[in-house]
Amino acid sequence: MKSKLKNTYRQVLRWGNPHYEEKLNEQGKKTIQDLVGIPVTEVNLPTFLPGEKEITLDKPIGLPPKYVLEFTDIVGAENIKTSDFDRVKHSAGKFYGELMQLRQEQVLTPPDLIITPSDEAQIETILQRCQQWKIPVVPQGLRSSVTKGVGLPDGGIALDLTAHLNQIISFDEVSQTVTAQSGITGPTLEKFLNSKGYTCGHFPQSFEFSTLGGWVAAKGAGQCSTGYGKIEDMVLSLKAYTPSGIIQNETYPKSAQGFDIMPLFIGSEGTLGVITQVTMKVRKLTIKNRSNACIIFKDFENAAAAMRTCIQGQFGLPHLFRISDHEETEVAFRMKGFEGSFSDKALQALGYKPNSRALMFISVEGDKDYTSFVVDKIKSTAKKFGGRSIGSKPTRKWLEQRYHSAYMREPLMDLGLMTDTIETAAMWANIEKLWKNVRTYIKARPNTVCMCHISHVYENGANLYFTFITPTDKTAPSEDYKTFHAGLVDTILANKGSLSHHHGIGRALAPWMKEKLGERSFELMKSIKKDLDPNGVMNPGALFD
């Protein structure tokens, strides 16, 4: 659906393809009505805070004109943007709190300038000027951050790396590596690698609208991370420009050369400098050998136990390895019209009951003998925990639609529903307790859907990814979310979950960093930042509150 107006707040806040916007079908409307208690009449009410007004920004550019002229001399007038629309566009990512503010036409963190440097020399000069004049600067990709990680609360420079720094630098087929500039998008990188018979192996849900530099800066994970690893397992070397100078390491598979500086930038979220180049591992493209399977369990606890047994079984790693808990499974069944079907009744007759059963999705890539072997081992292991194979079609369909669910956020928010995600990680011994207690907190809010899945799996533990949908307080939606979100984070930490597994910290979670890491570790991080960024101009507020 195309917007009737140009340059609206909704164009900034909505997800993904600018020419597409999801709508709830009748089955989806009925499911949401039943689950969150919205009367049929409310589904047809006018859109709640649609954000369809044209953007007007009251906050003027705060930089002295001589600074603006200096930056223009460095990059050229064609690489400077100052329009209201561009400033709002670069003021926020996709954090729920930011989206709600945009729906209310509140722009709290706009940059003064958007600069699109053409090369690394320009980046170096820009950082020198920002350090000298104490101007905040935030490196940006496609701004799909869900942790409030890209805004500028005090104004400054949004450094857009996607316009020019988006090229493949080199490809080494012998060593199986690719070196690319940080502004390259996921689809562009993958298309190049596929043409050579390889894959990057990193497919976060934001894959279509995120960059290589963003993956590294946020320490992200893709949907096939159980087999390919998180981004920190893929990066071999990088180059970064900091206000204090250039940091670059040589490319080796492993080395023992004292302190390893490179990992400081993986997860640094733009607080230390600007990542400009990344060399990462690539793998051979073996989709034709992919083996898929889907297994249903009578409950989430047995599904998780089977998953743990498989990952600790030393017989090989699936790439996609995911289980949906009972509520996520039921919501999916209802949204797709599976509930009450002949197949549903057959499963129920076998003991796989609604509001208890859980689904496991498996996909294995690599050598054909290997993929079939691993899938067969998982199936046989799952049987010991009451798991029953239901074919490969559900997993194939999931893979086909894996980037689609993010588009559901807008129609749900249009109904006045608070819908967001939060993720954490825990050791296997603590997974079940953490899952139950976080669910208890979320479900204590009336008429609330709480879905959870495990999607990144390790021998010692796994992540938990929660999605919640609940009616918002329409009189104070931002305040309602802030209070609920804070209690949710507190609950996760009280139950020994990590502050994040792969979304990162940004400003949304920064207030908890000192408590979570401990004072000495937190001070050490601040000392490193002080050395590389003496005047604190790099993405101020992210990570360090």
Protein backbone atom coordinates (compact mmCIF):
# COMPACT_ATOMS: atom_id res chain seq x y z
CA MET A 1 0.00 0.00 0.00
CA LYS A 2 1.53 3.32 -1.05
CA SER A 3 1.25 6.36 1.18
CA LYS A 4 -0.94 9.18 -0.18
CA LEU A 5 1.30 11.84 1.37
CA LYS A 6 5.01 12.34 0.90
CA ASN A 7 7.45 12.58 3.77
CA THR A 8 5.16 11.42 6.59
CA TYR A 9 6.10 10.14 10.02
CA ARG A 10 4.70 6.78 9.01
CA GLN A 11 7.17 6.52 6.15
CA VAL A 12 9.94 6.77 8.73
CA LEU A 13 8.52 4.45 11.37
CA ARG A 14 7.18 1.59 9.29
CA TRP A 15 9.20 -1.52 8.61
CA GLY A 16 10.95 -2.64 5.48
CA ASN A 17 9.91 -2.16 1.87
CA PRO A 18 8.73 1.48 1.52
CA HIS A 19 6.06 0.43 -0.99
CA TYR A 20 4.56 -2.35 1.13
CA GLU A 21 2.53 -2.37 4.29
CA GLU A 22 0.89 -5.41 5.86
CA LYS A 23 -2.80 -5.62 6.72
CA LEU A 24 -4.48 -8.09 9.05
CA ASN A 25 -6.66 -10.55 7.15
CA GLU A 26 -9.98 -11.70 8.61
CA GLN A 27 -8.38 -14.73 10.25
CA GLY A 28 -5.73 -12.50 11.80
CA LYS A 29 -8.34 -10.04 13.08
CA LYS A 30 -10.37 -12.82 14.66
CA THR A 31 -7.29 -14.32 16.30
CA ILE A 32 -6.22 -10.99 17.76
CA GLN A 33 -9.76 -10.27 18.97
CA ASP A 34 -9.88 -13.60 20.78
CA LEU A 35 -6.40 -13.41 22.26
CA VAL A 36 -6.28 -9.84 23.55
CA GLY A 37 -9.96 -9.21 24.11
CA ILE A 38 -10.49 -6.42 21.60
CA PRO A 39 -14.20 -6.12 20.75
CA VAL A 40 -15.11 -6.50 17.10
CA THR A 41 -16.20 -2.85 17.05
CA GLU A 42 -12.72 -1.67 18.06
CA VAL A 43 -11.04 -3.50 15.21
CA ASN A 44 -12.84 -1.15 12.83
CA LEU A 45 -12.14 2.05 14.77
CA PRO A 46 -9.94 4.74 13.16
CA THR A 47 -6.24 3.87 13.23
CA PHE A 48 -4.62 4.63 16.58
CA LEU A 49 -1.92 7.29 16.09
CA PRO A 50 -1.33 6.53 12.40
CA GLY A 51 1.49 9.04 11.98
CA GLU A 52 0.22 10.09 8.57
CA LYS A 53 0.88 13.82 8.85
CA GLU A 54 3.68 15.35 6.83
CA ILE A 55 6.86 15.89 8.79
CA THR A 56 7.67 19.30 10.17
CA LEU A 57 10.62 19.61 12.52
CA ASP A 58 10.64 22.48 14.99
CA LYS A 59 14.20 21.87 16.15
CA PRO A 60 16.60 23.98 14.03
CA ILE A 61 20.12 22.92 13.10
CA GLY A 62 22.22 23.60 16.17
CA LEU A 63 25.68 23.61 14.60
CA PRO A 64 27.36 26.95 13.93
CA PRO A 65 27.25 27.80 10.19
CA LYS A 66 31.05 27.74 9.97
CA TYR A 67 31.04 24.08 11.05
CA VAL A 68 28.43 23.24 8.45
CA LEU A 69 30.56 24.93 5.78
CA GLU A 70 33.63 23.00 6.94
CA PHE A 71 31.84 19.65 6.67
CA THR A 72 30.48 20.69 3.26
CA ASP A 73 34.02 21.42 2.08
CA ILE A 74 35.13 17.96 3.24
CA VAL A 75 32.46 15.87 1.48
CA GLY A 76 30.76 18.19 -1.01
CA ALA A 77 27.29 19.70 -0.84
CA GLU A 78 25.78 16.66 -2.57
CA ASN A 79 26.76 14.52 0.42
CA ILE A 80 25.10 16.69 3.09
CA LYS A 81 21.39 16.42 3.93
CA THR A 82 19.49 18.83 6.16
CA SER A 83 15.82 18.49 5.19
CA ASP A 84 13.26 17.89 7.94
CA PHE A 85 12.42 14.51 6.47
CA ASP A 86 16.04 13.36 6.32
CA ARG A 87 16.75 14.57 9.85
CA VAL A 88 13.72 12.70 11.21
CA LYS A 89 14.55 9.63 9.13
CA HIS A 90 18.01 9.46 10.70
CA SER A 91 16.79 10.24 14.21
CA ALA A 92 15.52 6.79 15.16
CA GLY A 93 15.72 3.07 14.57
CA LYS A 94 12.93 0.54 15.09
CA PHE A 95 12.75 0.47 18.90
CA TYR A 96 9.11 0.42 20.02
CA GLY A 97 9.51 3.53 22.16
CA GLU A 98 10.89 5.49 19.19
CA LEU A 99 8.07 4.30 16.94
CA MET A 100 5.44 5.38 19.45
CA GLN A 101 7.05 8.82 19.70
CA LEU A 102 7.02 9.16 15.91
CA ARG A 103 3.36 8.18 15.84
CA GLN A 104 2.79 11.08 18.23
CA GLU A 105 4.89 13.34 15.97
CA GLN A 106 7.56 13.64 18.64
CA VAL A 107 11.12 13.83 17.30
CA LEU A 108 13.46 13.93 20.27
CA THR A 109 16.80 12.87 18.79
CA PRO A 110 17.33 14.42 15.33
CA PRO A 111 20.82 14.95 13.91
CA ASP A 112 21.84 18.39 12.73
CA LEU A 113 23.41 17.02 9.56
CA ILE A 114 23.39 13.75 7.66
CA ILE A 115 26.76 13.23 6.03
CA THR A 116 27.46 10.51 3.47
CA PRO A 117 31.25 10.21 3.24
CA SER A 118 32.72 8.97 -0.04
CA ASP A 119 35.86 7.37 1.37
CA GLU A 120 37.78 6.59 4.52
CA ALA A 121 39.90 9.74 4.31
CA GLN A 122 36.75 11.81 4.66
CA ILE A 123 35.68 9.77 7.68
CA GLU A 124 39.05 10.38 9.31
CA THR A 125 38.78 14.13 8.77
CA ILE A 126 35.15 14.25 9.97
CA LEU A 127 36.06 12.46 13.20
CA GLN A 128 38.96 14.84 13.79
CA ARG A 129 36.66 17.83 13.43
CA CYS A 130 33.98 16.26 15.64
CA GLN A 131 36.57 15.53 18.32
CA GLN A 132 38.00 19.04 18.07
CA TRP A 133 34.60 20.74 18.22
CA LYS A 134 32.99 18.17 20.54
CA ILE A 135 30.21 17.33 18.09
CA PRO A 136 28.40 14.00 18.64
CA VAL A 137 28.62 11.59 15.71
CA VAL A 138 26.75 8.33 15.14
CA PRO A 139 27.71 5.83 12.41
CA GLN A 140 24.55 4.56 10.71
CA GLY A 141 23.59 1.78 8.35
CA LEU A 142 19.93 1.14 7.59
CA ARG A 143 18.81 1.98 11.16
CA SER A 144 17.06 -1.30 11.97
CA SER A 145 18.29 -1.14 15.58
CA VAL A 146 15.63 -2.21 18.10
CA THR A 147 17.54 -0.91 21.12
CA LYS A 148 17.37 2.85 20.60
CA GLY A 149 20.89 2.81 19.24
CA VAL A 150 21.10 5.41 16.45
CA GLY A 151 19.57 8.72 17.60
CA LEU A 152 21.34 11.91 18.63
CA PRO A 153 19.75 13.33 21.83
CA ASP A 154 21.98 16.42 21.71
CA GLY A 155 22.16 16.82 17.95
CA GLY A 156 25.30 16.28 15.89
CA ILE A 157 26.26 14.23 12.84
CA ALA A 158 24.53 11.13 11.46
CA LEU A 159 27.25 9.43 9.41
CA ASP A 160 25.44 7.44 6.70
CA LEU A 161 27.78 4.71 5.45
CA THR A 162 25.35 3.12 2.99
CA ALA A 163 25.52 5.65 0.14
CA HIS A 164 29.14 5.13 -0.92
CA LEU A 165 30.96 2.72 1.41
CA ASN A 166 29.07 -0.32 0.17
CA GLN A 167 31.49 -2.23 -2.06
CA ILE A 168 33.13 -5.65 -2.12
CA ILE A 169 36.87 -5.09 -1.67
CA SER A 170 38.20 -8.60 -2.23
CA PHE A 171 37.18 -12.26 -2.33
CA ASP A 172 39.61 -15.06 -1.44
CA GLU A 173 38.19 -18.37 -2.60
CA VAL A 174 41.24 -20.33 -1.42
CA SER A 175 40.96 -19.07 2.16
CA GLN A 176 37.17 -18.70 1.92
CA THR A 177 36.94 -15.05 3.00
CA VAL A 178 35.33 -11.89 1.73
CA THR A 179 36.34 -8.32 2.57
CA ALA A 180 33.67 -5.67 2.16
CA GLN A 181 32.92 -2.12 3.20
CA SER A 182 30.69 -1.79 6.21
CA GLY A 183 27.82 -0.04 4.40
CA ILE A 184 27.07 -3.02 2.15
CA THR A 185 23.59 -4.47 2.70
CA GLY A 186 22.83 -8.10 3.47
CA PRO A 187 21.17 -8.87 0.11
CA THR A 188 23.98 -7.21 -1.88
CA LEU A 189 26.66 -9.14 -0.02
CA GLU A 190 24.79 -12.43 -0.32
CA LYS A 191 24.05 -11.94 -4.03
CA PHE A 192 27.76 -11.45 -4.73
CA LEU A 193 28.74 -14.50 -2.69
CA ASN A 194 26.03 -16.67 -4.27
CA SER A 195 27.41 -15.77 -7.70
CA LYS A 196 30.70 -17.30 -6.56
CA GLY A 197 29.03 -20.37 -5.06
CA TYR A 198 29.23 -19.18 -1.41
CA THR A 199 27.08 -17.75 1.36
CA CYS A 200 27.72 -15.39 4.25
CA GLY A 201 25.63 -17.60 6.55
CA HIS A 202 24.33 -14.61 8.52
CA PHE A 203 20.58 -14.08 8.20
CA PRO A 204 19.05 -11.97 10.98
CA GLN A 205 15.38 -11.10 10.59
CA SER A 206 16.57 -7.61 9.58
CA PHE A 207 18.75 -9.16 6.84
CA GLU A 208 17.04 -7.30 3.99
CA PHE A 209 17.35 -3.94 5.76
CA SER A 210 20.67 -4.08 7.61
CA THR A 211 24.37 -3.80 6.82
CA LEU A 212 27.57 -5.70 7.44
CA GLY A 213 28.83 -2.91 9.70
CA GLY A 214 25.59 -2.96 11.66
CA TRP A 215 25.82 -6.73 12.19
CA VAL A 216 29.30 -6.34 13.63
CA ALA A 217 28.60 -3.23 15.70
CA ALA A 218 25.52 -4.82 17.31
CA LYS A 219 27.12 -8.27 17.73
CA GLY A 220 24.18 -9.81 15.94
CA ALA A 221 23.05 -13.35 15.24
CA GLY A 222 21.41 -14.82 12.17
CA GLN A 223 18.65 -17.39 12.01
CA CYS A 224 21.17 -20.09 11.09
CA SER A 225 23.61 -19.22 13.88
CA THR A 226 23.52 -22.67 15.48
CA GLY A 227 25.40 -23.98 12.45
CA TYR A 228 27.26 -20.91 11.18
CA GLY A 229 27.82 -19.05 14.46
CA LYS A 230 27.08 -15.48 15.54
CA ILE A 231 28.78 -12.59 13.78
CA GLU A 232 31.72 -12.63 16.22
CA ASP A 233 32.42 -16.21 15.08
CA MET A 234 32.57 -15.06 11.45
CA VAL A 235 34.72 -11.92 11.61
CA LEU A 236 38.44 -12.45 11.03
CA SER A 237 39.58 -8.83 10.84
CA LEU A 238 38.25 -5.32 10.57
CA LYS A 239 39.31 -1.72 10.12
CA ALA A 240 37.91 1.10 12.24
CA TYR A 241 38.52 4.84 12.44
CA THR A 242 38.41 6.28 15.94
CA PRO A 243 38.88 9.89 17.09
CA SER A 244 42.32 8.76 18.34
CA GLY A 245 43.44 6.97 15.19
CA ILE A 246 43.01 3.90 13.00
CA ILE A 247 42.59 0.39 14.43
CA GLN A 248 43.20 -2.47 12.02
CA ASN A 249 44.25 -6.07 12.54
CA GLU A 250 45.78 -8.53 10.10
CA THR A 251 43.73 -11.48 8.88
CA TYR A 252 44.54 -14.87 10.37
CA PRO A 253 42.37 -17.87 11.24
CA LYS A 254 43.65 -17.55 14.84
CA SER A 255 46.68 -15.94 16.47
CA ALA A 256 48.39 -15.43 19.82
CA GLN A 257 49.68 -11.86 19.70
CA GLY A 258 48.85 -10.49 23.12
CA PHE A 259 45.55 -8.73 23.77
CA ASP A 260 43.09 -9.15 20.91
CA ILE A 261 41.87 -5.64 20.13
CA MET A 262 39.45 -6.49 17.31
CA PRO A 263 36.68 -7.93 19.55
CA LEU A 264 36.36 -4.55 21.27
CA PHE A 265 34.64 -3.27 18.14
CA ILE A 266 32.31 -6.26 17.77
CA GLY A 267 29.40 -5.08 19.87
CA SER A 268 30.75 -1.54 20.32
CA GLU A 269 27.60 -0.04 18.74
CA GLY A 270 29.43 2.96 17.30
CA THR A 271 30.74 4.11 20.69
CA LEU A 272 34.43 3.61 19.88
CA GLY A 273 34.72 4.56 16.23
CA VAL A 274 33.51 3.90 12.71
CA ILE A 275 33.94 0.39 11.30
CA THR A 276 34.76 0.81 7.61
CA GLN A 277 35.90 -2.65 6.44
CA VAL A 278 35.25 -6.22 7.57
CA THR A 279 36.83 -9.50 6.53
CA MET A 280 34.64 -12.47 7.33
CA LYS A 281 34.50 -16.21 6.75
CA VAL A 282 32.24 -17.50 4.00
CA ARG A 283 30.90 -21.00 3.37
CA LYS A 284 30.09 -22.94 0.24
CA LEU A 285 26.51 -22.60 -0.90
CA THR A 286 24.84 -25.98 -0.41
CA ILE A 287 21.13 -25.17 -0.45
CA LYS A 288 20.48 -28.04 -2.88
CA ASN A 289 21.61 -30.44 -0.14
CA ARG A 290 19.53 -28.81 2.60
CA SER A 291 17.53 -31.23 4.76
CA ASN A 292 14.51 -29.91 6.63
CA ALA A 293 12.30 -31.36 9.31
CA CYS A 294 9.60 -30.30 11.75
CA ILE A 295 8.82 -32.10 15.00
CA ILE A 296 5.92 -31.58 17.38
CA PHE A 297 6.24 -32.18 21.13
CA LYS A 298 3.61 -32.44 23.83
CA ASP A 299 5.14 -29.51 25.72
CA PHE A 300 7.92 -26.94 25.62
CA GLU A 301 9.87 -28.60 28.44
CA ASN A 302 10.32 -31.84 26.50
CA ALA A 303 11.13 -29.92 23.32
CA ALA A 304 13.87 -27.98 25.15
CA ALA A 305 15.24 -31.17 26.70
CA ALA A 306 15.39 -32.80 23.28
CA MET A 307 17.10 -29.75 21.82
CA ARG A 308 19.71 -29.76 24.58
CA THR A 309 20.35 -33.48 24.12
CA CYS A 310 20.82 -33.02 20.39
CA ILE A 311 23.19 -30.07 20.66
CA GLN A 312 25.25 -31.93 23.26
CA GLY A 313 25.13 -35.19 21.26
CA GLN A 314 28.32 -34.52 19.23
CA PHE A 315 26.77 -35.84 16.03
CA GLY A 316 26.70 -32.55 14.13
CA LEU A 317 25.07 -29.14 14.15
CA PRO A 318 21.82 -28.11 12.49
CA HIS A 319 21.92 -24.61 11.04
CA LEU A 320 18.36 -23.54 11.76
CA PHE A 321 17.40 -25.04 15.14
CA ARG A 322 14.34 -23.50 16.70
CA ILE A 323 11.49 -24.37 19.05
CA SER A 324 8.31 -22.39 19.62
CA ASP A 325 6.67 -22.65 23.02
CA HIS A 326 3.03 -23.59 23.47
CA GLU A 327 1.64 -20.08 23.04
CA GLU A 328 3.73 -19.22 19.98
CA THR A 329 2.73 -22.54 18.46
CA GLU A 330 -0.98 -21.94 19.06
CA VAL A 331 -0.91 -18.38 17.74
CA ALA A 332 0.80 -19.63 14.57
CA PHE A 333 -1.74 -22.45 14.16
CA ARG A 334 -4.66 -20.04 14.59
CA MET A 335 -3.26 -17.34 12.30
CA LYS A 336 -2.75 -19.91 9.55
CA GLY A 337 -6.17 -21.50 9.98
CA PHE A 338 -4.73 -24.84 11.13
CA GLU A 339 -6.79 -24.92 14.32
CA GLY A 340 -9.72 -27.32 14.04
CA SER A 341 -8.49 -28.84 10.77
CA PHE A 342 -8.38 -32.61 10.18
CA SER A 343 -4.61 -32.63 10.82
CA ASP A 344 -5.10 -30.67 14.04
CA LYS A 345 -7.71 -33.15 15.28
CA ALA A 346 -5.40 -36.04 14.41
CA LEU A 347 -2.55 -34.51 16.42
CA GLN A 348 -4.86 -33.88 19.37
CA ALA A 349 -5.98 -37.52 19.27
CA LEU A 350 -2.32 -38.51 19.56
CA GLY A 351 -1.92 -36.38 22.69
CA TYR A 352 -0.51 -33.15 21.21
CA LYS A 353 -2.99 -30.82 22.86
CA PRO A 354 -3.62 -27.11 22.22
CA ASN A 355 -1.99 -24.69 24.67
CA SER A 356 0.62 -27.28 25.57
CA ARG A 357 2.27 -28.58 22.38
CA ALA A 358 5.45 -27.08 20.95
CA LEU A 359 7.08 -27.11 17.51
CA MET A 360 10.71 -27.70 16.57
CA PHE A 361 12.06 -26.47 13.22
CA ILE A 362 15.26 -28.00 11.81
CA SER A 363 17.29 -27.20 8.72
CA VAL A 364 20.76 -28.60 8.03
CA GLU A 365 23.14 -27.48 5.27
CA GLY A 366 26.36 -28.96 3.94
CA ASP A 367 27.33 -32.28 2.37
CA LYS A 368 24.29 -34.34 1.40
CA ASP A 369 25.27 -37.32 3.52
CA TYR A 370 25.88 -35.03 6.49
CA THR A 371 22.57 -33.18 6.26
CA SER A 372 20.44 -36.34 6.13
CA PHE A 373 22.50 -37.94 8.91
CA VAL A 374 22.04 -34.99 11.30
CA VAL A 375 18.31 -34.71 10.63
CA ASP A 376 17.84 -38.45 11.22
CA LYS A 377 19.77 -38.25 14.50
CA ILE A 378 17.64 -35.33 15.67
CA LYS A 379 14.45 -37.20 14.80
CA SER A 380 15.54 -40.32 16.67
CA THR A 381 16.60 -38.28 19.68
CA ALA A 382 13.32 -36.34 19.66
CA LYS A 383 11.32 -39.60 19.85
CA LYS A 384 12.80 -40.24 23.29
CA PHE A 385 11.12 -37.03 24.45
CA GLY A 386 7.75 -37.68 22.84
CA GLY A 387 8.56 -35.81 19.64
CA ARG A 388 6.75 -36.75 16.45
CA SER A 389 7.93 -35.81 12.96
CA ILE A 390 5.29 -33.97 10.92
CA GLY A 391 7.29 -33.64 7.71
CA SER A 392 9.45 -30.90 6.25
CA LYS A 393 6.75 -28.58 4.85
CA PRO A 394 6.30 -26.39 7.99
CA THR A 395 10.03 -25.65 8.06
CA ARG A 396 10.15 -24.95 4.33
CA LYS A 397 7.24 -22.54 4.70
CA TRP A 398 8.91 -20.89 7.69
CA LEU A 399 12.11 -20.35 5.68
CA GLU A 400 10.12 -18.86 2.79
CA GLN A 401 8.41 -16.35 5.10
CA ARG A 402 11.13 -15.78 7.69
CA TYR A 403 11.51 -12.04 7.03
CA HIS A 404 7.78 -11.36 6.88
CA SER A 405 6.62 -11.27 10.51
CA ALA A 406 8.20 -7.87 11.22
CA TYR A 407 5.61 -6.31 8.88
CA MET A 408 2.86 -7.29 11.36
CA ARG A 409 3.98 -4.64 13.85
CA GLU A 410 2.24 -1.70 12.11
CA PRO A 411 -1.26 -3.21 11.86
CA LEU A 412 -1.06 -4.32 15.48
CA MET A 413 0.05 -0.88 16.68
CA ASP A 414 -2.72 0.61 14.54
CA LEU A 415 -5.17 -1.27 16.79
CA GLY A 416 -3.68 0.31 19.89
CA LEU A 417 -1.67 -2.78 20.80
CA MET A 418 1.74 -2.66 22.38
CA THR A 419 3.78 -5.23 20.47
CA ASP A 420 7.49 -5.74 20.98
CA THR A 421 10.22 -8.31 21.49
CA ILE A 422 12.95 -8.85 24.03
CA GLU A 423 15.64 -11.51 24.00
CA THR A 424 18.12 -12.94 26.48
CA ALA A 425 20.43 -15.91 26.97
CA ALA A 426 20.89 -18.41 29.78
CA MET A 427 22.61 -21.65 30.68
CA TRP A 428 20.63 -24.83 30.10
CA ALA A 429 20.24 -25.38 33.85
CA ASN A 430 18.39 -22.07 34.11
CA ILE A 431 16.41 -21.96 30.83
CA GLU A 432 13.15 -23.38 32.16
CA LYS A 433 13.05 -21.18 35.26
CA LEU A 434 13.83 -18.04 33.25
CA TRP A 435 11.17 -18.90 30.66
CA LYS A 436 8.48 -19.49 33.28
CA ASN A 437 9.21 -16.42 35.37
CA VAL A 438 9.42 -14.01 32.44
CA ARG A 439 6.16 -15.44 31.11
CA THR A 440 4.60 -14.95 34.54
CA TYR A 441 5.57 -11.27 34.52
CA ILE A 442 4.25 -10.68 31.00
CA LYS A 443 1.03 -12.66 31.48
CA ALA A 444 0.24 -10.78 34.69
CA ARG A 445 -0.81 -7.93 32.42
CA PRO A 446 -4.45 -8.56 31.43
CA ASN A 447 -5.30 -9.77 27.92
CA THR A 448 -1.66 -10.25 26.96
CA VAL A 449 -0.18 -12.66 24.46
CA CYS A 450 3.31 -13.92 25.35
CA MET A 451 5.08 -16.00 22.73
CA CYS A 452 8.59 -17.39 23.15
CA HIS A 453 11.07 -19.34 21.10
CA ILE A 454 14.62 -20.63 21.27
CA SER A 455 16.50 -19.94 18.06
CA HIS A 456 20.25 -19.78 18.88
CA VAL A 457 21.54 -22.94 20.51
CA TYR A 458 24.83 -23.92 22.18
CA GLU A 459 26.15 -26.90 24.11
CA ASN A 460 25.97 -24.93 27.34
CA GLY A 461 22.81 -22.89 26.87
CA ALA A 462 20.54 -21.01 24.49
CA ASN A 463 18.66 -17.79 23.93
CA LEU A 464 15.04 -17.06 24.80
CA TYR A 465 13.19 -14.66 22.50
CA PHE A 466 9.92 -13.26 23.82
CA THR A 467 7.25 -11.49 21.78
CA PHE A 468 4.34 -9.84 23.55
CA ILE A 469 1.09 -8.25 22.35
CA THR A 470 -1.09 -6.35 24.79
CA PRO A 471 -3.57 -3.45 24.75
CA THR A 472 -1.77 -0.19 25.47
CA ASP A 473 -2.90 2.66 27.67
CA LYS A 474 -4.09 4.98 24.90
CA THR A 475 -3.97 8.00 27.20
CA ALA A 476 -0.24 7.56 27.89
CA PRO A 477 1.18 4.93 25.49
CA SER A 478 4.86 5.90 25.81
CA GLU A 479 4.79 5.96 29.61
CA ASP A 480 2.88 2.66 29.68
CA TYR A 481 5.54 0.97 27.55
CA LYS A 482 8.45 2.45 29.50
CA THR A 483 7.11 1.12 32.81
CA PHE A 484 6.25 -2.32 31.44
CA HIS A 485 9.59 -2.65 29.62
CA ALA A 486 11.60 -1.70 32.72
CA GLY A 487 9.84 -4.35 34.79
CA LEU A 488 10.45 -6.90 32.05
CA VAL A 489 14.20 -6.19 31.99
CA ASP A 490 14.33 -6.35 35.80
CA THR A 491 12.59 -9.73 35.70
CA ILE A 492 15.08 -11.13 33.20
CA LEU A 493 18.07 -9.97 35.25
CA ALA A 494 16.55 -11.25 38.51
CA ASN A 495 16.33 -14.68 36.88
CA LYS A 496 19.94 -14.76 35.65
CA GLY A 497 19.30 -13.95 32.02
CA SER A 498 21.75 -11.89 29.97
CA LEU A 499 20.91 -8.28 29.21
CA SER A 500 20.95 -9.17 25.51
CA HIS A 501 21.94 -12.09 23.31
CA HIS A 502 22.04 -10.45 19.87
CA HIS A 503 20.00 -7.23 19.70
CA GLY A 504 22.63 -5.22 21.57
CA ILE A 505 22.23 -2.53 24.23
CA GLY A 506 21.75 0.93 22.68
CA ARG A 507 20.17 3.49 24.98
CA ALA A 508 17.20 1.26 25.78
CA LEU A 509 19.23 -1.13 27.96
CA ALA A 510 22.19 1.09 28.87
CA PRO A 511 20.77 1.99 32.33
CA TRP A 512 21.25 -1.64 33.42
CA MET A 513 24.83 -2.11 32.09
CA LYS A 514 26.74 -1.18 35.25
CA GLU A 515 24.53 -3.38 37.41
CA LYS A 516 24.86 -6.33 35.04
CA LEU A 517 28.59 -6.16 34.32
CA GLY A 518 29.80 -5.07 37.73
CA GLU A 519 31.47 -1.78 38.56
CA ARG A 520 35.05 -2.80 37.74
CA SER A 521 34.22 -4.23 34.33
CA PHE A 522 32.02 -1.25 33.53
CA GLU A 523 34.79 1.19 34.48
CA LEU A 524 37.24 -0.73 32.31
CA MET A 525 34.91 -0.34 29.34
CA LYS A 526 34.65 3.38 30.03
CA SER A 527 38.45 3.64 30.22
CA ILE A 528 38.81 2.03 26.80
CA LYS A 529 36.24 4.41 25.38
CA LYS A 530 38.04 7.37 26.97
CA ASP A 531 41.30 6.34 25.32
CA LEU A 532 39.79 5.95 21.84
CA ASP A 533 37.22 8.74 22.16
CA PRO A 534 38.62 11.33 24.61
CA ASN A 535 35.75 13.79 24.28
CA GLY A 536 32.97 11.20 24.21
CA VAL A 537 31.61 12.17 20.81
CA MET A 538 30.99 8.66 19.46
CA ASN A 539 27.32 7.71 19.84
CA PRO A 540 26.99 9.26 23.31
CA GLY A 541 24.49 7.52 25.57
CA ALA A 542 24.63 4.14 23.84
CA LEU A 543 26.04 1.36 26.07
CA PHE A 544 27.06 3.83 28.79
CA ASP A 545 23.79 5.68 29.52
